[in-house]
Amino acid sequence: MTGQLLEFLTVYGLPAAAVLLAIGQFGVPLPTSLALLTLGALAANGDADPAAAFVWALTGTTLGDQAGFLTGRFVAQSAEDRPGFLGGLARKARAAEPHMAKWGGSSVFFTRWLFTPLGPAINIAGGVAGLHWAIFTAWGLAGEAVWISIYIALGFTFGSNIETLASILGNLSMALAMLALAAFLGWRLLLAIRKAQNRSKMD
């Protein structure tokens, strides 16, 4: 996979990397982390300018994030008055809008680089829940800049072992994402239990 990706990016250049990253950030399962590491390796070999690689990567990831966000926003606008699953989802998202406005920015930021497997879902959820576009974009750019900088730097430094490195980082990121999801679900369960206890006391 690494050799094929390296050859692909060498032949088609940084715009191809931007397209790959955009599609991956939208939610299609593509080796985006490996692509960033490969860009770092290309920069180390003198086949790509590091600054240009950063700009193209940031452009691609941001386009993917925006596509997911706008997809969520379109669902909210078109399905809120509909019956069924989509309508219920949109109405729940509207009810959660104050919470998303409070915590949405930080969730966008951390799912760009720390809990990356959750990123595409957060993009859509932010659009559905009505997170302000400027907040989403600002936090998204900041998080993507951190992710891209870290991975290009790692690829630049460990270019000969990027496939092993990508596997380790991918497993770590997935573990962190699952831990964060479990913590969130546990917190929601605790709130539900406390709410039920309060109701029983009032009765």
Protein backbone atom coordinates (compact mmCIF):
# COMPACT_ATOMS: atom_id res chain seq x y z
CA MET A 1 0.00 0.00 0.00
CA THR A 2 2.78 2.44 0.89
CA GLY A 3 4.67 1.87 -2.35
CA GLN A 4 1.51 2.26 -4.43
CA LEU A 5 0.50 5.42 -2.61
CA LEU A 6 4.00 6.85 -2.91
CA GLU A 7 4.00 6.16 -6.64
CA PHE A 8 0.50 7.61 -7.03
CA LEU A 9 1.39 10.86 -5.27
CA THR A 10 4.71 11.10 -7.11
CA VAL A 11 2.98 10.78 -10.48
CA TYR A 12 -0.11 12.91 -9.86
CA GLY A 13 1.30 15.36 -7.32
CA LEU A 14 -0.10 17.35 -4.44
CA PRO A 15 -3.53 18.08 -6.03
CA ALA A 16 -4.19 14.32 -6.09
CA ALA A 17 -3.31 14.15 -2.39
CA ALA A 18 -5.79 16.97 -1.71
CA VAL A 19 -8.56 15.08 -3.54
CA LEU A 20 -7.78 11.87 -1.64
CA LEU A 21 -7.85 13.70 1.68
CA ALA A 22 -11.10 15.50 0.83
CA ILE A 23 -12.86 12.23 -0.01
CA GLY A 24 -11.46 10.58 3.12
CA GLN A 25 -12.53 13.41 5.41
CA PHE A 26 -16.03 13.19 3.99
CA GLY A 27 -16.23 9.64 5.33
CA VAL A 28 -15.06 7.34 2.53
CA PRO A 29 -12.57 4.83 4.05
CA LEU A 30 -9.29 5.91 2.45
CA PRO A 31 -5.75 5.85 3.95
CA THR A 32 -5.66 9.56 4.77
CA SER A 33 -3.16 9.25 7.61
CA LEU A 34 -0.87 7.20 5.41
CA ALA A 35 -1.23 9.82 2.66
CA LEU A 36 -0.03 12.55 5.03
CA LEU A 37 2.89 10.44 6.17
CA THR A 38 3.72 9.80 2.52
CA LEU A 39 3.70 13.55 1.83
CA GLY A 40 6.25 13.93 4.62
CA ALA A 41 8.39 11.19 3.07
CA LEU A 42 8.20 12.90 -0.32
CA ALA A 43 9.29 16.16 1.27
CA ALA A 44 12.22 14.39 2.95
CA ASN A 45 13.30 13.01 -0.44
CA GLY A 46 13.05 16.43 -2.06
CA ASP A 47 10.08 15.39 -4.24
CA ALA A 48 7.66 17.85 -2.62
CA ASP A 49 7.91 21.23 -0.96
CA PRO A 50 6.83 20.91 2.71
CA ALA A 51 4.95 24.24 2.71
CA ALA A 52 3.12 23.39 -0.51
CA ALA A 53 2.30 19.92 0.83
CA PHE A 54 0.83 21.50 3.96
CA VAL A 55 -1.31 23.96 1.98
CA TRP A 56 -2.66 21.31 -0.41
CA ALA A 57 -3.37 18.92 2.47
CA LEU A 58 -5.17 21.62 4.45
CA THR A 59 -7.22 22.51 1.38
CA GLY A 60 -8.25 18.90 0.83
CA THR A 61 -9.14 18.11 4.42
CA THR A 62 -11.10 21.35 4.78
CA LEU A 63 -13.10 20.64 1.63
CA GLY A 64 -13.98 17.19 2.98
CA ASP A 65 -15.00 18.65 6.33
CA GLN A 66 -17.15 21.30 4.67
CA ALA A 67 -18.86 18.71 2.46
CA GLY A 68 -19.82 16.68 5.53
CA PHE A 69 -21.02 19.74 7.42
CA LEU A 70 -23.15 20.97 4.51
CA THR A 71 -24.60 17.49 4.07
CA GLY A 72 -25.72 17.58 7.70
CA ARG A 73 -27.09 21.09 7.34
CA PHE A 74 -29.04 20.09 4.23
CA VAL A 75 -30.58 17.14 6.07
CA ALA A 76 -31.64 19.41 8.94
CA GLN A 77 -33.21 21.97 6.64
CA SER A 78 -35.04 19.48 4.44
CA ALA A 79 -36.09 16.78 6.88
CA GLU A 80 -37.08 18.61 10.07
CA ASP A 81 -40.82 18.57 9.24
CA ARG A 82 -40.83 15.06 7.80
CA PRO A 83 -42.13 11.98 9.63
CA GLY A 84 -39.94 8.98 10.19
CA PHE A 85 -36.31 8.47 11.08
CA LEU A 86 -34.76 11.44 9.25
CA GLY A 87 -37.35 13.84 10.61
CA GLY A 88 -36.83 12.57 14.14
CA LEU A 89 -33.07 12.87 13.75
CA ALA A 90 -33.34 16.44 12.51
CA ARG A 91 -35.68 17.44 15.36
CA LYS A 92 -33.38 15.88 17.95
CA ALA A 93 -30.47 17.72 16.41
CA ARG A 94 -32.36 21.01 16.67
CA ALA A 95 -33.11 20.27 20.34
CA ALA A 96 -29.40 19.61 20.89
CA GLU A 97 -28.36 22.85 19.21
CA PRO A 98 -27.57 24.72 22.50
CA HIS A 99 -25.29 21.88 23.60
CA MET A 100 -23.59 21.74 20.21
CA ALA A 101 -23.06 25.49 20.34
CA LYS A 102 -21.36 25.08 23.73
CA TRP A 103 -19.22 22.01 23.06
CA GLY A 104 -19.27 21.76 19.28
CA GLY A 105 -16.10 23.75 18.67
CA SER A 106 -13.90 21.65 20.93
CA SER A 107 -15.39 18.40 19.60
CA VAL A 108 -14.59 19.50 16.06
CA PHE A 109 -11.03 20.44 17.03
CA PHE A 110 -10.17 17.20 18.83
CA THR A 111 -11.73 14.93 16.20
CA ARG A 112 -9.47 16.47 13.55
CA TRP A 113 -6.24 15.10 15.05
CA LEU A 114 -6.75 13.16 18.29
CA PHE A 115 -9.98 11.19 17.76
CA THR A 116 -9.77 11.16 13.96
CA PRO A 117 -12.11 8.16 13.33
CA LEU A 118 -14.98 10.28 14.72
CA GLY A 119 -14.23 13.25 12.46
CA PRO A 120 -16.61 12.55 9.53
CA ALA A 121 -19.50 11.80 11.91
CA ILE A 122 -18.87 15.02 13.85
CA ASN A 123 -18.88 16.98 10.58
CA ILE A 124 -22.36 15.73 9.71
CA ALA A 125 -23.61 16.04 13.30
CA GLY A 126 -22.41 19.64 13.46
CA GLY A 127 -24.38 20.50 10.34
CA VAL A 128 -27.50 18.67 11.49
CA ALA A 129 -27.44 20.27 14.94
CA GLY A 130 -27.03 23.78 13.58
CA LEU A 131 -23.48 24.49 14.74
CA HIS A 132 -22.50 27.93 13.45
CA TRP A 133 -20.54 27.60 10.21
CA ALA A 134 -17.83 30.06 11.27
CA ILE A 135 -17.24 28.19 14.54
CA PHE A 136 -17.10 24.85 12.72
CA THR A 137 -14.71 26.21 10.11
CA ALA A 138 -12.36 27.94 12.56
CA TRP A 139 -12.05 24.93 14.87
CA GLY A 140 -11.82 22.59 11.90
CA LEU A 141 -8.97 24.54 10.32
CA ALA A 142 -7.12 24.65 13.64
CA GLY A 143 -7.51 20.92 14.21
CA GLU A 144 -6.60 19.96 10.65
CA ALA A 145 -3.49 22.16 10.83
CA VAL A 146 -2.37 20.26 13.95
CA TRP A 147 -3.07 16.85 12.36
CA ILE A 148 -1.35 17.68 9.08
CA SER A 149 1.69 19.19 10.80
CA ILE A 150 2.17 16.18 13.07
CA TYR A 151 1.80 13.57 10.33
CA ILE A 152 3.90 15.34 7.70
CA ALA A 153 6.63 15.85 10.31
CA LEU A 154 6.48 12.16 11.26
CA GLY A 155 6.60 11.12 7.62
CA PHE A 156 9.55 13.44 7.07
CA THR A 157 11.39 11.93 10.04
CA PHE A 158 10.46 8.25 9.70
CA GLY A 159 9.95 7.99 5.94
CA SER A 160 11.39 4.49 5.67
CA ASN A 161 8.91 3.03 8.20
CA ILE A 162 5.72 4.96 7.46
CA GLU A 163 3.48 1.90 6.94
CA THR A 164 4.33 0.52 10.39
CA LEU A 165 3.99 4.00 11.87
CA ALA A 166 0.61 4.51 10.18
CA SER A 167 -0.66 1.22 11.61
CA ILE A 168 0.45 2.13 15.13
CA LEU A 169 -1.04 5.62 14.94
CA GLY A 170 -4.26 4.29 13.42
CA ASN A 171 -4.74 1.75 16.19
CA LEU A 172 -3.99 4.37 18.83
CA SER A 173 -6.42 6.84 17.31
CA MET A 174 -9.17 4.22 17.10
CA ALA A 175 -8.60 3.20 20.72
CA LEU A 176 -8.81 6.83 21.85
CA ALA A 177 -11.97 7.37 19.80
CA MET A 178 -13.65 4.31 21.33
CA LEU A 179 -12.62 5.45 24.80
CA ALA A 180 -14.06 8.90 24.18
CA LEU A 181 -17.29 7.42 22.84
CA ALA A 182 -17.59 5.09 25.84
CA ALA A 183 -17.01 8.01 28.22
CA PHE A 184 -19.69 10.07 26.46
CA LEU A 185 -22.23 7.24 26.54
CA GLY A 186 -21.46 6.60 30.20
CA TRP A 187 -21.99 10.27 30.99
CA ARG A 188 -25.32 10.30 29.13
CA LEU A 189 -26.41 7.13 30.97
CA LEU A 190 -25.49 8.68 34.30
CA LEU A 191 -27.54 11.78 33.49
CA ALA A 192 -30.51 9.62 32.49
CA ILE A 193 -30.28 7.62 35.74
CA ARG A 194 -30.13 10.78 37.85
CA LYS A 195 -33.07 12.26 35.96
CA ALA A 196 -35.11 9.11 36.55
CA GLN A 197 -34.20 9.13 40.25
CA ASN A 198 -35.27 12.77 40.59
CA ARG A 199 -38.60 12.00 38.94
CA SER A 200 -39.22 9.04 41.25
CA LYS A 201 -38.53 11.24 44.29
CA MET A 202 -40.98 13.86 43.06
CA ASP A 203 -43.64 11.18 42.56
